[in-house]
C-alpha atoms as a PDB file:
ATOM      1  CA  MET A   1     -10.637  26.444  80.166  1.00  0.00           C
ATOM      2  CA  ALA A   2     -13.653  28.777  79.523  1.00  0.00           C
ATOM      3  CA  HIS A   3     -11.434  31.083  77.446  1.00  0.00           C
ATOM      4  CA  ALA A   4      -9.948  28.117  75.257  1.00  0.00           C
ATOM      5  CA  ARG A   5     -13.527  26.661  74.750  1.00  0.00           C
ATOM      6  CA  GLU A   6     -14.922  30.102  73.626  1.00  0.00           C
ATOM      7  CA  GLN A   7     -11.932  30.621  71.239  1.00  0.00           C
ATOM      8  CA  LEU A   8     -12.508  27.078  69.973  1.00  0.00           C
ATOM      9  CA  ARG A   9     -16.182  27.920  69.250  1.00  0.00           C
ATOM     10  CA  SER A  10     -15.211  31.057  67.675  1.00  0.00           C
ATOM     11  CA  THR A  11     -12.682  29.594  65.203  1.00  0.00           C
ATOM     12  CA  GLU A  12     -15.010  26.741  64.526  1.00  0.00           C
ATOM     13  CA  ALA A  13     -17.674  29.381  63.499  1.00  0.00           C
ATOM     14  CA  ALA A  14     -15.146  31.212  61.367  1.00  0.00           C
ATOM     15  CA  TYR A  15     -14.076  28.127  59.415  1.00  0.00           C
ATOM     16  CA  ARG A  16     -17.803  27.195  58.992  1.00  0.00           C
ATOM     17  CA  ARG A  17     -18.401  30.556  57.462  1.00  0.00           C
ATOM     18  CA  ALA A  18     -15.313  30.044  55.220  1.00  0.00           C
ATOM     19  CA  ILE A  19     -16.457  26.800  54.041  1.00  0.00           C
ATOM     20  CA  LYS A  20     -19.859  28.099  52.942  1.00  0.00           C
ATOM     21  CA  ALA A  21     -18.152  31.225  51.425  1.00  0.00           C
ATOM     22  CA  VAL A  22     -15.918  28.807  49.270  1.00  0.00           C
ATOM     23  CA  GLY A  23     -19.018  26.616  48.348  1.00  0.00           C
ATOM     24  CA  ARG A  24     -20.613  29.866  47.126  1.00  0.00           C
ATOM     25  CA  GLY A  25     -17.649  30.584  44.966  1.00  0.00           C
ATOM     26  CA  LEU A  26     -15.566  32.919  46.849  1.00  0.00           C
ATOM     27  CA  SER A  27     -11.812  32.450  46.192  1.00  0.00           C
ATOM     28  CA  ILE A  28      -9.548  30.915  48.883  1.00  0.00           C
ATOM     29  CA  GLY A  29      -7.553  34.159  48.961  1.00  0.00           C
ATOM     30  CA  ASP A  30     -10.526  36.309  49.336  1.00  0.00           C
ATOM     31  CA  THR A  31     -12.007  33.650  52.002  1.00  0.00           C
ATOM     32  CA  LEU A  32      -8.913  33.752  54.005  1.00  0.00           C
ATOM     33  CA  ASP A  33      -8.993  37.713  54.145  1.00  0.00           C
ATOM     34  CA  MET A  34     -12.769  37.625  55.052  1.00  0.00           C
ATOM     35  CA  MET A  35     -12.197  35.359  57.870  1.00  0.00           C
ATOM     36  CA  SER A  36      -8.911  36.986  59.208  1.00  0.00           C
ATOM     37  CA  ALA A  37      -7.317  33.551  59.006  1.00  0.00           C
ATOM     38  CA  ALA A  38      -3.857  34.633  60.476  1.00  0.00           C
ATOM     39  CA  ALA A  39      -5.527  36.544  63.481  1.00  0.00           C
ATOM     40  CA  THR A  40      -7.890  33.596  63.965  1.00  0.00           C
ATOM     41  CA  ARG A  41      -5.180  31.161  63.999  1.00  0.00           C
ATOM     42  CA  ASP A  42      -3.094  33.375  66.324  1.00  0.00           C
ATOM     43  CA  ASP A  43      -6.143  33.956  68.838  1.00  0.00           C
ATOM     44  CA  LEU A  44      -6.573  30.043  69.081  1.00  0.00           C
ATOM     45  CA  ASN A  45      -3.067  29.361  69.577  1.00  0.00           C
ATOM     46  CA  CYS A  46      -2.884  31.625  72.209  1.00  0.00           C
ATOM     47  CA  ALA A  47      -5.683  30.535  74.025  1.00  0.00           C
ATOM     48  CA  LEU A  48      -4.349  26.934  73.643  1.00  0.00           C
ATOM     49  CA  SER A  49      -1.118  27.917  75.084  1.00  0.00           C
ATOM     50  CA  GLU A  50      -2.652  29.767  78.009  1.00  0.00           C
ATOM     51  CA  LEU A  51      -4.892  26.437  78.555  1.00  0.00           C
ATOM     52  CA  GLU A  52      -1.672  24.165  78.404  1.00  0.00           C
ATOM     53  CA  HIS A  53       0.237  26.716  80.898  1.00  0.00           C
ATOM     54  CA  SER A  54      -2.620  26.572  83.291  1.00  0.00           C
ATOM     55  CA  ARG A  55      -2.900  22.744  83.186  1.00  0.00           C
ATOM     56  CA  HIS A  56       0.872  22.600  83.917  1.00  0.00           C
ATOM     57  CA  ARG A  57       0.331  25.079  86.926  1.00  0.00           C
ATOM     58  CA  SER A  58      -2.545  22.818  88.055  1.00  0.00           C
ATOM     59  CA  ARG A  59      -0.606  19.661  87.757  1.00  0.00           C
ATOM     60  CA  LEU A  60       2.416  21.062  89.832  1.00  0.00           C
ATOM     61  CA  ALA A  61      -0.076  22.444  92.471  1.00  0.00           C
ATOM     62  CA  MET A  62      -1.737  18.826  92.791  1.00  0.00           C
ATOM     63  CA  LEU A  63       1.662  17.092  92.858  1.00  0.00           C
ATOM     64  CA  GLU A  64       2.707  19.404  95.579  1.00  0.00           C
ATOM     65  CA  SER A  65      -0.100  18.569  97.558  1.00  0.00           C
ATOM     66  CA  GLY A  66       0.280  14.887  97.123  1.00  0.00           C
ATOM     67  CA  ILE A  67       3.696  15.190  98.418  1.00  0.00           C
ATOM     68  CA  ASP A  68       2.422  17.118 101.306  1.00  0.00           C
ATOM     69  CA  GLU A  69      -0.076  14.251 102.147  1.00  0.00           C
ATOM     70  CA  GLY A  70       2.772  11.713 102.026  1.00  0.00           C
ATOM     71  CA  LEU A  71       2.101  10.136  98.536  1.00  0.00           C
ATOM     72  CA  SER A  72       5.257   8.575  96.665  1.00  0.00           C
ATOM     73  CA  MET A  73       6.093   9.624  93.171  1.00  0.00           C
ATOM     74  CA  SER A  74       4.815   6.283  91.989  1.00  0.00           C
ATOM     75  CA  GLU A  75       1.470   6.840  93.496  1.00  0.00           C
ATOM     76  CA  LEU A  76       1.295  10.305  92.196  1.00  0.00           C
ATOM     77  CA  GLY A  77       2.418   9.309  88.781  1.00  0.00           C
ATOM     78  CA  ARG A  78      -0.411   6.418  88.590  1.00  0.00           C
ATOM     79  CA  LYS A  79      -3.103   8.370  90.124  1.00  0.00           C
ATOM     80  CA  MET A  80      -2.299  11.641  87.706  1.00  0.00           C
ATOM     81  CA  GLY A  81      -1.779   9.071  84.804  1.00  0.00           C
ATOM     82  CA  PHE A  82       1.838   9.293  83.874  1.00  0.00           C
ATOM     83  CA  SER A  83       5.090   7.706  84.884  1.00  0.00           C
ATOM     84  CA  ARG A  84       6.929   8.046  88.215  1.00  0.00           C
ATOM     85  CA  GLN A  85       9.722   9.723  86.487  1.00  0.00           C
ATOM     86  CA  LEU A  86       7.552  12.295  85.146  1.00  0.00           C
ATOM     87  CA  ALA A  87       6.034  12.790  88.429  1.00  0.00           C
ATOM     88  CA  ALA A  88       9.354  13.415  89.808  1.00  0.00           C
ATOM     89  CA  ARG A  89      10.326  15.953  87.083  1.00  0.00           C
ATOM     90  CA  TYR A  90       7.227  17.824  88.041  1.00  0.00           C
ATOM     91  CA  ALA A  91       8.232  17.539  91.709  1.00  0.00           C
ATOM     92  CA  HIS A  92      11.538  18.901  90.974  1.00  0.00           C
ATOM     93  CA  GLU A  93      10.155  21.723  88.944  1.00  0.00           C
ATOM     94  CA  ALA A  94       7.703  22.677  91.791  1.00  0.00           C
ATOM     95  CA  SER A  95      10.594  22.588  94.342  1.00  0.00           C
ATOM     96  CA  ARG A  96      12.557  25.224  92.312  1.00  0.00           C
ATOM     97  CA  LYS A  97       9.661  27.585  92.316  1.00  0.00           C
ATOM     98  CA  ASP A  98       9.540  27.921  96.194  1.00  0.00           C
END
């Protein structure tokens, strides 16, 4: 989360600088070049992808622990904020990783 948060801050700062540059009359093309728009976007997408992957692994680990403690799929789904069916899919995925 820290990496994604830092990348979000960095991207926000780049866009704020870009808005100011356009406001001062810099062309969009030059502004996009100045802020390295493609690299900025790629860096943010990568950080968000890493975050989602980490969240997924965390959900799997929590679900496995809940199963080990004897919680049902319905209980796990309700406590984690998703359906019993999704909890069952996560449980199936977690069991394939072992």
